[in-house]
PDB file of N, CA and C in Angstrom:
ATOM      1  N   MET A   1      13.753   0.278   9.745  1.00  0.00           N
ATOM      2  CA  MET A   1      13.005   1.488   9.951  1.00  0.00           C
ATOM      3  C   MET A   1      13.558   2.328  11.100  1.00  0.00           C
ATOM      4  N   PRO A   2      13.893   1.755  12.244  1.00  0.00           N
ATOM      5  CA  PRO A   2      14.430   2.601  13.306  1.00  0.00           C
ATOM      6  C   PRO A   2      15.754   3.257  12.928  1.00  0.00           C
ATOM      7  N   LEU A   3      16.601   2.553  12.189  1.00  0.00           N
ATOM      8  CA  LEU A   3      17.876   3.154  11.781  1.00  0.00           C
ATOM      9  C   LEU A   3      17.651   4.308  10.812  1.00  0.00           C
ATOM     10  N   THR A   4      16.686   4.194   9.950  1.00  0.00           N
ATOM     11  CA  THR A   4      16.356   5.287   9.036  1.00  0.00           C
ATOM     12  C   THR A   4      15.783   6.469   9.805  1.00  0.00           C
ATOM     13  N   SER A   5      14.951   6.188  10.780  1.00  0.00           N
ATOM     14  CA  SER A   5      14.361   7.259  11.581  1.00  0.00           C
ATOM     15  C   SER A   5      15.417   8.018  12.372  1.00  0.00           C
ATOM     16  N   VAL A   6      16.410   7.308  12.871  1.00  0.00           N
ATOM     17  CA  VAL A   6      17.476   7.968  13.623  1.00  0.00           C
ATOM     18  C   VAL A   6      18.286   8.882  12.712  1.00  0.00           C
ATOM     19  N   SER A   7      18.511   8.447  11.489  1.00  0.00           N
ATOM     20  CA  SER A   7      19.356   9.238  10.590  1.00  0.00           C
ATOM     21  C   SER A   7      18.674  10.528  10.123  1.00  0.00           C
ATOM     22  N   ILE A   8      17.348  10.542  10.037  1.00  0.00           N
ATOM     23  CA  ILE A   8      16.676  11.769   9.580  1.00  0.00           C
ATOM     24  C   ILE A   8      16.139  12.605  10.735  1.00  0.00           C
ATOM     25  N   GLY A   9      16.156  12.082  11.949  1.00  0.00           N
ATOM     26  CA  GLY A   9      15.708  12.838  13.102  1.00  0.00           C
ATOM     27  C   GLY A   9      14.289  12.502  13.492  1.00  0.00           C
ATOM     28  N   PHE A  10      13.979  12.785  14.756  1.00  0.00           N
ATOM     29  CA  PHE A  10      12.663  12.424  15.290  1.00  0.00           C
ATOM     30  C   PHE A  10      11.545  13.241  14.655  1.00  0.00           C
ATOM     31  N   SER A  11      11.738  14.540  14.533  1.00  0.00           N
ATOM     32  CA  SER A  11      10.649  15.376  14.008  1.00  0.00           C
ATOM     33  C   SER A  11      10.373  15.066  12.541  1.00  0.00           C
ATOM     34  N   ASN A  12      11.417  14.849  11.755  1.00  0.00           N
ATOM     35  CA  ASN A  12      11.199  14.513  10.340  1.00  0.00           C
ATOM     36  C   ASN A  12      10.525  13.156  10.178  1.00  0.00           C
ATOM     37  N   SER A  13      10.921  12.182  10.992  1.00  0.00           N
ATOM     38  CA  SER A  13      10.262  10.871  10.901  1.00  0.00           C
ATOM     39  C   SER A  13       8.817  10.956  11.394  1.00  0.00           C
ATOM     40  N   LEU A  14       8.549  11.828  12.368  1.00  0.00           N
ATOM     41  CA  LEU A  14       7.171  12.021  12.822  1.00  0.00           C
ATOM     42  C   LEU A  14       6.327  12.661  11.725  1.00  0.00           C
ATOM     43  N   TYR A  15       6.881  13.654  11.033  1.00  0.00           N
ATOM     44  CA  TYR A  15       6.170  14.277   9.910  1.00  0.00           C
ATOM     45  C   TYR A  15       5.909  13.270   8.793  1.00  0.00           C
ATOM     46  N   ALA A  16       6.889  12.432   8.503  1.00  0.00           N
ATOM     47  CA  ALA A  16       6.700  11.412   7.468  1.00  0.00           C
ATOM     48  C   ALA A  16       5.613  10.421   7.872  1.00  0.00           C
ATOM     49  N   LEU A  17       5.623   9.999   9.132  1.00  0.00           N
ATOM     50  CA  LEU A  17       4.610   9.073   9.625  1.00  0.00           C
ATOM     51  C   LEU A  17       3.218   9.682   9.555  1.00  0.00           C
ATOM     52  N   LEU A  18       3.088  10.923   9.974  1.00  0.00           N
ATOM     53  CA  LEU A  18       1.784  11.589   9.922  1.00  0.00           C
ATOM     54  C   LEU A  18       1.326  11.821   8.483  1.00  0.00           C
ATOM     55  N   GLY A  19       2.262  12.145   7.592  1.00  0.00           N
ATOM     56  CA  GLY A  19       1.910  12.328   6.185  1.00  0.00           C
ATOM     57  C   GLY A  19       1.436  11.045   5.540  1.00  0.00           C
ATOM     58  N   ILE A  20       2.123   9.950   5.812  1.00  0.00           N
ATOM     59  CA  ILE A  20       1.727   8.659   5.247  1.00  0.00           C
ATOM     60  C   ILE A  20       0.383   8.209   5.824  1.00  0.00           C
ATOM     61  N   ALA A  21       0.175   8.426   7.130  1.00  0.00           N
ATOM     62  CA  ALA A  21      -1.105   8.063   7.743  1.00  0.00           C
ATOM     63  C   ALA A  21      -2.245   8.893   7.153  1.00  0.00           C
ATOM     64  N   THR A  22      -1.986  10.177   6.873  1.00  0.00           N
ATOM     65  CA  THR A  22      -3.011  11.027   6.266  1.00  0.00           C
ATOM     66  C   THR A  22      -3.346  10.559   4.853  1.00  0.00           C
ATOM     67  N   LEU A  23      -2.330  10.203   4.071  1.00  0.00           N
ATOM     68  CA  LEU A  23      -2.580   9.685   2.724  1.00  0.00           C
ATOM     69  C   LEU A  23      -3.373   8.387   2.759  1.00  0.00           C
ATOM     70  N   MET A  24      -3.057   7.505   3.695  1.00  0.00           N
ATOM     71  CA  MET A  24      -3.807   6.252   3.810  1.00  0.00           C
ATOM     72  C   MET A  24      -5.253   6.516   4.200  1.00  0.00           C
ATOM     73  N   LEU A  25      -5.477   7.470   5.109  1.00  0.00           N
ATOM     74  CA  LEU A  25      -6.835   7.803   5.516  1.00  0.00           C
ATOM     75  C   LEU A  25      -7.631   8.395   4.350  1.00  0.00           C
ATOM     76  N   LEU A  26      -7.016   9.297   3.607  1.00  0.00           N
ATOM     77  CA  LEU A  26      -7.703   9.901   2.462  1.00  0.00           C
ATOM     78  C   LEU A  26      -8.021   8.865   1.386  1.00  0.00           C
ATOM     79  N   SER A  27      -7.078   7.971   1.114  1.00  0.00           N
ATOM     80  CA  SER A  27      -7.340   6.950   0.100  1.00  0.00           C
ATOM     81  C   SER A  27      -8.429   5.979   0.551  1.00  0.00           C
ATOM     82  N   SER A  28      -8.497   5.697   1.844  1.00  0.00           N
ATOM     83  CA  SER A  28      -9.578   4.819   2.316  1.00  0.00           C
ATOM     84  C   SER A  28     -10.930   5.512   2.211  1.00  0.00           C
ATOM     85  N   PHE A  29     -10.966   6.835   2.438  1.00  0.00           N
ATOM     86  CA  PHE A  29     -12.220   7.567   2.271  1.00  0.00           C
ATOM     87  C   PHE A  29     -12.671   7.571   0.807  1.00  0.00           C
ATOM     88  N   VAL A  30     -11.729   7.749  -0.101  1.00  0.00           N
ATOM     89  CA  VAL A  30     -12.070   7.741  -1.533  1.00  0.00           C
ATOM     90  C   VAL A  30     -12.578   6.365  -1.942  1.00  0.00           C
ATOM     91  N   GLN A  31     -11.893   5.310  -1.489  1.00  0.00           N
ATOM     92  CA  GLN A  31     -12.327   3.965  -1.847  1.00  0.00           C
ATOM     93  C   GLN A  31     -13.696   3.650  -1.234  1.00  0.00           C
ATOM     94  N   ALA A  32     -13.936   4.065   0.002  1.00  0.00           N
ATOM     95  CA  ALA A  32     -15.245   3.834   0.621  1.00  0.00           C
ATOM     96  C   ALA A  32     -16.341   4.591  -0.115  1.00  0.00           C
ATOM     97  N   ASP A  33     -16.036   5.800  -0.577  1.00  0.00           N
ATOM     98  CA  ASP A  33     -17.026   6.572  -1.322  1.00  0.00           C
ATOM     99  C   ASP A  33     -17.332   5.915  -2.664  1.00  0.00           C
ATOM    100  N   LEU A  34     -16.309   5.373  -3.327  1.00  0.00           N
ATOM    101  CA  LEU A  34     -16.535   4.685  -4.597  1.00  0.00           C
ATOM    102  C   LEU A  34     -17.304   3.383  -4.400  1.00  0.00           C
ATOM    103  N   LEU A  35     -17.006   2.672  -3.335  1.00  0.00           N
ATOM    104  CA  LEU A  35     -17.693   1.400  -3.082  1.00  0.00           C
ATOM    105  C   LEU A  35     -19.146   1.594  -2.653  1.00  0.00           C
ATOM    106  N   ARG A  36     -19.478   2.780  -2.189  1.00  0.00           N
ATOM    107  CA  ARG A  36     -20.849   3.047  -1.744  1.00  0.00           C
ATOM    108  C   ARG A  36     -21.844   2.910  -2.889  1.00  0.00           C
ATOM    109  N   PHE A  37     -21.408   3.187  -4.111  1.00  0.00           N
ATOM    110  CA  PHE A  37     -22.313   3.164  -5.258  1.00  0.00           C
ATOM    111  C   PHE A  37     -22.206   1.889  -6.092  1.00  0.00           C
ATOM    112  N   GLU A  38     -21.400   0.945  -5.669  1.00  0.00           N
ATOM    113  CA  GLU A  38     -21.212  -0.299  -6.414  1.00  0.00           C
ATOM    114  C   GLU A  38     -21.934  -1.445  -5.699  1.00  0.00           C
ATOM    115  N   LYS A  39     -22.134  -2.537  -6.430  1.00  0.00           N
ATOM    116  CA  LYS A  39     -22.745  -3.716  -5.816  1.00  0.00           C
ATOM    117  C   LYS A  39     -21.733  -4.391  -4.891  1.00  0.00           C
ATOM    118  N   SER A  40     -22.211  -5.182  -3.968  1.00  0.00           N
ATOM    119  CA  SER A  40     -21.318  -5.834  -3.010  1.00  0.00           C
ATOM    120  C   SER A  40     -20.535  -6.955  -3.687  1.00  0.00           C
ATOM    121  N   GLY A  41     -19.360  -7.222  -3.180  1.00  0.00           N
ATOM    122  CA  GLY A  41     -18.516  -8.282  -3.706  1.00  0.00           C
ATOM    123  C   GLY A  41     -17.698  -7.896  -4.911  1.00  0.00           C
ATOM    124  N   ILE A  42     -17.570  -6.609  -5.191  1.00  0.00           N
ATOM    125  CA  ILE A  42     -16.815  -6.157  -6.354  1.00  0.00           C
ATOM    126  C   ILE A  42     -15.318  -6.146  -6.009  1.00  0.00           C
ATOM    127  N   SER A  43     -14.492  -6.503  -6.962  1.00  0.00           N
ATOM    128  CA  SER A  43     -13.056  -6.502  -6.731  1.00  0.00           C
ATOM    129  C   SER A  43     -12.489  -5.104  -6.949  1.00  0.00           C
ATOM    130  N   PHE A  44     -11.267  -4.913  -6.458  1.00  0.00           N
ATOM    131  CA  PHE A  44     -10.628  -3.610  -6.605  1.00  0.00           C
ATOM    132  C   PHE A  44     -10.319  -3.317  -8.067  1.00  0.00           C
ATOM    133  N   ALA A  45      -9.959  -4.340  -8.829  1.00  0.00           N
ATOM    134  CA  ALA A  45      -9.670  -4.151 -10.259  1.00  0.00           C
ATOM    135  C   ALA A  45     -10.924  -3.725 -11.017  1.00  0.00           C
ATOM    136  N   THR A  46     -12.062  -4.308 -10.690  1.00  0.00           N
ATOM    137  CA  THR A  46     -13.319  -3.924 -11.330  1.00  0.00           C
ATOM    138  C   THR A  46     -13.739  -2.521 -10.917  1.00  0.00           C
ATOM    139  N   LEU A  47     -13.490  -2.177  -9.670  1.00  0.00           N
ATOM    140  CA  LEU A  47     -13.797  -0.829  -9.196  1.00  0.00           C
ATOM    141  C   LEU A  47     -12.982   0.212  -9.955  1.00  0.00           C
ATOM    142  N   VAL A  48     -11.717  -0.051 -10.155  1.00  0.00           N
ATOM    143  CA  VAL A  48     -10.860   0.865 -10.913  1.00  0.00           C
ATOM    144  C   VAL A  48     -11.315   0.934 -12.365  1.00  0.00           C
ATOM    145  N   SER A  49     -11.636  -0.203 -12.937  1.00  0.00           N
ATOM    146  CA  SER A  49     -12.081  -0.247 -14.325  1.00  0.00           C
ATOM    147  C   SER A  49     -13.390   0.520 -14.523  1.00  0.00           C
ATOM    148  N   ASN A  50     -14.313   0.396 -13.578  1.00  0.00           N
ATOM    149  CA  ASN A  50     -15.598   1.091 -13.692  1.00  0.00           C
ATOM    150  C   ASN A  50     -15.455   2.604 -13.581  1.00  0.00           C
ATOM    151  N   ASN A  51     -14.508   3.071 -12.785  1.00  0.00           N
ATOM    152  CA  ASN A  51     -14.399   4.496 -12.521  1.00  0.00           C
ATOM    153  C   ASN A  51     -13.341   5.199 -13.362  1.00  0.00           C
ATOM    154  N   LEU A  52     -12.286   4.505 -13.759  1.00  0.00           N
ATOM    155  CA  LEU A  52     -11.220   5.145 -14.532  1.00  0.00           C
ATOM    156  C   LEU A  52     -11.173   4.713 -15.991  1.00  0.00           C
ATOM    157  N   GLY A  53     -11.840   3.645 -16.324  1.00  0.00           N
ATOM    158  CA  GLY A  53     -11.834   3.155 -17.694  1.00  0.00           C
ATOM    159  C   GLY A  53     -11.112   1.825 -17.804  1.00  0.00           C
ATOM    160  N   GLU A  54     -11.325   1.174 -18.913  1.00  0.00           N
ATOM    161  CA  GLU A  54     -10.794  -0.181 -19.121  1.00  0.00           C
ATOM    162  C   GLU A  54      -9.273  -0.209 -19.236  1.00  0.00           C
ATOM    163  N   LYS A  55      -8.671   0.863 -19.728  1.00  0.00           N
ATOM    164  CA  LYS A  55      -7.214   0.833 -19.917  1.00  0.00           C
ATOM    165  C   LYS A  55      -6.458   0.878 -18.594  1.00  0.00           C
ATOM    166  N   TYR A  56      -7.102   1.254 -17.489  1.00  0.00           N
ATOM    167  CA  TYR A  56      -6.456   1.273 -16.175  1.00  0.00           C
ATOM    168  C   TYR A  56      -6.709   0.001 -15.383  1.00  0.00           C
ATOM    169  N   ARG A  57      -7.287  -1.018 -16.006  1.00  0.00           N
ATOM    170  CA  ARG A  57      -7.613  -2.259 -15.299  1.00  0.00           C
ATOM    171  C   ARG A  57      -6.358  -3.003 -14.845  1.00  0.00           C
ATOM    172  N   ILE A  58      -5.246  -2.840 -15.531  1.00  0.00           N
ATOM    173  CA  ILE A  58      -4.024  -3.559 -15.173  1.00  0.00           C
ATOM    174  C   ILE A  58      -3.306  -2.921 -13.986  1.00  0.00           C
ATOM    175  N   LEU A  59      -3.603  -1.671 -13.682  1.00  0.00           N
ATOM    176  CA  LEU A  59      -2.934  -0.952 -12.602  1.00  0.00           C
ATOM    177  C   LEU A  59      -3.075  -1.648 -11.242  1.00  0.00           C
ATOM    178  N   PRO A  60      -4.251  -2.074 -10.806  1.00  0.00           N
ATOM    179  CA  PRO A  60      -4.339  -2.779  -9.513  1.00  0.00           C
ATOM    180  C   PRO A  60      -3.564  -4.092  -9.496  1.00  0.00           C
ATOM    181  N   SER A  61      -3.496  -4.771 -10.631  1.00  0.00           N
ATOM    182  CA  SER A  61      -2.738  -6.019 -10.693  1.00  0.00           C
ATOM    183  C   SER A  61      -1.246  -5.765 -10.514  1.00  0.00           C
ATOM    184  N   ILE A  62      -0.752  -4.712 -11.110  1.00  0.00           N
ATOM    185  CA  ILE A  62       0.663  -4.359 -10.953  1.00  0.00           C
ATOM    186  C   ILE A  62       0.949  -3.974  -9.508  1.00  0.00           C
ATOM    187  N   ILE A  63       0.062  -3.207  -8.902  1.00  0.00           N
ATOM    188  CA  ILE A  63       0.241  -2.802  -7.505  1.00  0.00           C
ATOM    189  C   ILE A  63       0.228  -4.020  -6.584  1.00  0.00           C
ATOM    190  N   LYS A  64      -0.680  -4.963  -6.852  1.00  0.00           N
ATOM    191  CA  LYS A  64      -0.741  -6.169  -6.035  1.00  0.00           C
ATOM    192  C   LYS A  64       0.524  -7.004  -6.187  1.00  0.00           C
ATOM    193  N   CYS A  65       1.043  -7.120  -7.403  1.00  0.00           N
ATOM    194  CA  CYS A  65       2.286  -7.863  -7.619  1.00  0.00           C
ATOM    195  C   CYS A  65       3.461  -7.197  -6.905  1.00  0.00           C
ATOM    196  N   LEU A  66       3.525  -5.867  -6.925  1.00  0.00           N
ATOM    197  CA  LEU A  66       4.591  -5.168  -6.213  1.00  0.00           C
ATOM    198  C   LEU A  66       4.471  -5.359  -4.704  1.00  0.00           C
ATOM    199  N   LEU A  67       3.246  -5.384  -4.188  1.00  0.00           N
ATOM    200  CA  LEU A  67       3.043  -5.642  -2.767  1.00  0.00           C
ATOM    201  C   LEU A  67       3.522  -7.031  -2.395  1.00  0.00           C
ATOM    202  N   PHE A  68       3.139  -8.035  -3.177  1.00  0.00           N
ATOM    203  CA  PHE A  68       3.561  -9.401  -2.881  1.00  0.00           C
ATOM    204  C   PHE A  68       5.071  -9.548  -3.001  1.00  0.00           C
ATOM    205  N   TYR A  69       5.689  -8.863  -3.980  1.00  0.00           N
ATOM    206  CA  TYR A  69       7.139  -8.927  -4.124  1.00  0.00           C
ATOM    207  C   TYR A  69       7.830  -8.324  -2.909  1.00  0.00           C
ATOM    208  N   SER A  70       7.343  -7.184  -2.433  1.00  0.00           N
ATOM    209  CA  SER A  70       7.982  -6.550  -1.278  1.00  0.00           C
ATOM    210  C   SER A  70       7.801  -7.392  -0.020  1.00  0.00           C
ATOM    211  N   LEU A  71       6.627  -8.011   0.148  1.00  0.00           N
ATOM    212  CA  LEU A  71       6.425  -8.899   1.292  1.00  0.00           C
ATOM    213  C   LEU A  71       7.337 -10.111   1.228  1.00  0.00           C
ATOM    214  N   LEU A  72       7.464 -10.696   0.050  1.00  0.00           N
ATOM    215  CA  LEU A  72       8.336 -11.849  -0.112  1.00  0.00           C
ATOM    216  C   LEU A  72       9.795 -11.477   0.161  1.00  0.00           C
ATOM    217  N   ALA A  73      10.231 -10.329  -0.338  1.00  0.00           N
ATOM    218  CA  ALA A  73      11.609  -9.890  -0.107  1.00  0.00           C
ATOM    219  C   ALA A  73      11.873  -9.661   1.376  1.00  0.00           C
ATOM    220  N   SER A  74      10.919  -9.070   2.087  1.00  0.00           N
ATOM    221  CA  SER A  74      11.133  -8.841   3.519  1.00  0.00           C
ATOM    222  C   SER A  74      11.119 -10.151   4.297  1.00  0.00           C
ATOM    223  N   TYR A  75      10.273 -11.096   3.918  1.00  0.00           N
ATOM    224  CA  TYR A  75      10.264 -12.394   4.596  1.00  0.00           C
ATOM    225  C   TYR A  75      11.563 -13.151   4.345  1.00  0.00           C
ATOM    226  N   ILE A  76      12.078 -13.114   3.136  1.00  0.00           N
ATOM    227  CA  ILE A  76      13.332 -13.787   2.825  1.00  0.00           C
ATOM    228  C   ILE A  76      14.476 -13.158   3.600  1.00  0.00           C
ATOM    229  N   THR A  77      14.502 -11.831   3.662  1.00  0.00           N
ATOM    230  CA  THR A  77      15.551 -11.144   4.399  1.00  0.00           C
ATOM    231  C   THR A  77      15.484 -11.481   5.891  1.00  0.00           C
ATOM    232  N   GLY A  78      14.279 -11.469   6.450  1.00  0.00           N
ATOM    233  CA  GLY A  78      14.122 -11.813   7.860  1.00  0.00           C
ATOM    234  C   GLY A  78      14.472 -13.263   8.155  1.00  0.00           C
ATOM    235  N   ALA A  79      14.079 -14.151   7.267  1.00  0.00           N
ATOM    236  CA  ALA A  79      14.374 -15.571   7.478  1.00  0.00           C
ATOM    237  C   ALA A  79      15.873 -15.838   7.354  1.00  0.00           C
ATOM    238  N   SER A  80      16.548 -15.178   6.435  1.00  0.00           N
ATOM    239  CA  SER A  80      17.986 -15.384   6.287  1.00  0.00           C
ATOM    240  C   SER A  80      18.731 -14.868   7.515  1.00  0.00           C
ATOM    241  N   THR A  81      18.250 -13.795   8.116  1.00  0.00           N
ATOM    242  CA  THR A  81      18.874 -13.289   9.333  1.00  0.00           C
ATOM    243  C   THR A  81      18.682 -14.273  10.480  1.00  0.00           C
ATOM    244  N   ILE A  82      17.497 -14.848  10.571  1.00  0.00           N
ATOM    245  CA  ILE A  82      17.229 -15.818  11.641  1.00  0.00           C
ATOM    246  C   ILE A  82      18.040 -17.093  11.435  1.00  0.00           C
ATOM    247  N   LEU A  83      18.103 -17.577  10.189  1.00  0.00           N
ATOM    248  CA  LEU A  83      18.825 -18.821   9.907  1.00  0.00           C
ATOM    249  C   LEU A  83      20.330 -18.673  10.047  1.00  0.00           C
ATOM    250  N   SER A  84      20.853 -17.510   9.724  1.00  0.00           N
ATOM    251  CA  SER A  84      22.294 -17.327   9.811  1.00  0.00           C
ATOM    252  C   SER A  84      22.755 -17.117  11.261  1.00  0.00           C
ATOM    253  N   GLY A  85      21.848 -16.714  12.128  1.00  0.00           N
ATOM    254  CA  GLY A  85      22.209 -16.470  13.526  1.00  0.00           C
ATOM    255  C   GLY A  85      22.077 -17.650  14.354  1.00  0.00           C
TER     256      GLY A  85
END
């Protein structure tokens, strides 16, 4: 991340950081608003299914798998750097 930030410049990386933080804040507000009308203990997949329809039920599962894949890839990369050094 720091090498990428250096290549695009400080102001551009600051704009990207603020844009991503704004998107995360807006998505958390939308999710909190949707959860306000649901019963407690509901999963994210059920929340999506209730509000977008049954055909979008697989979308949260795909997103979760991509998250786990990216975490696993970063852990493997970090561990290989530590082990090789």
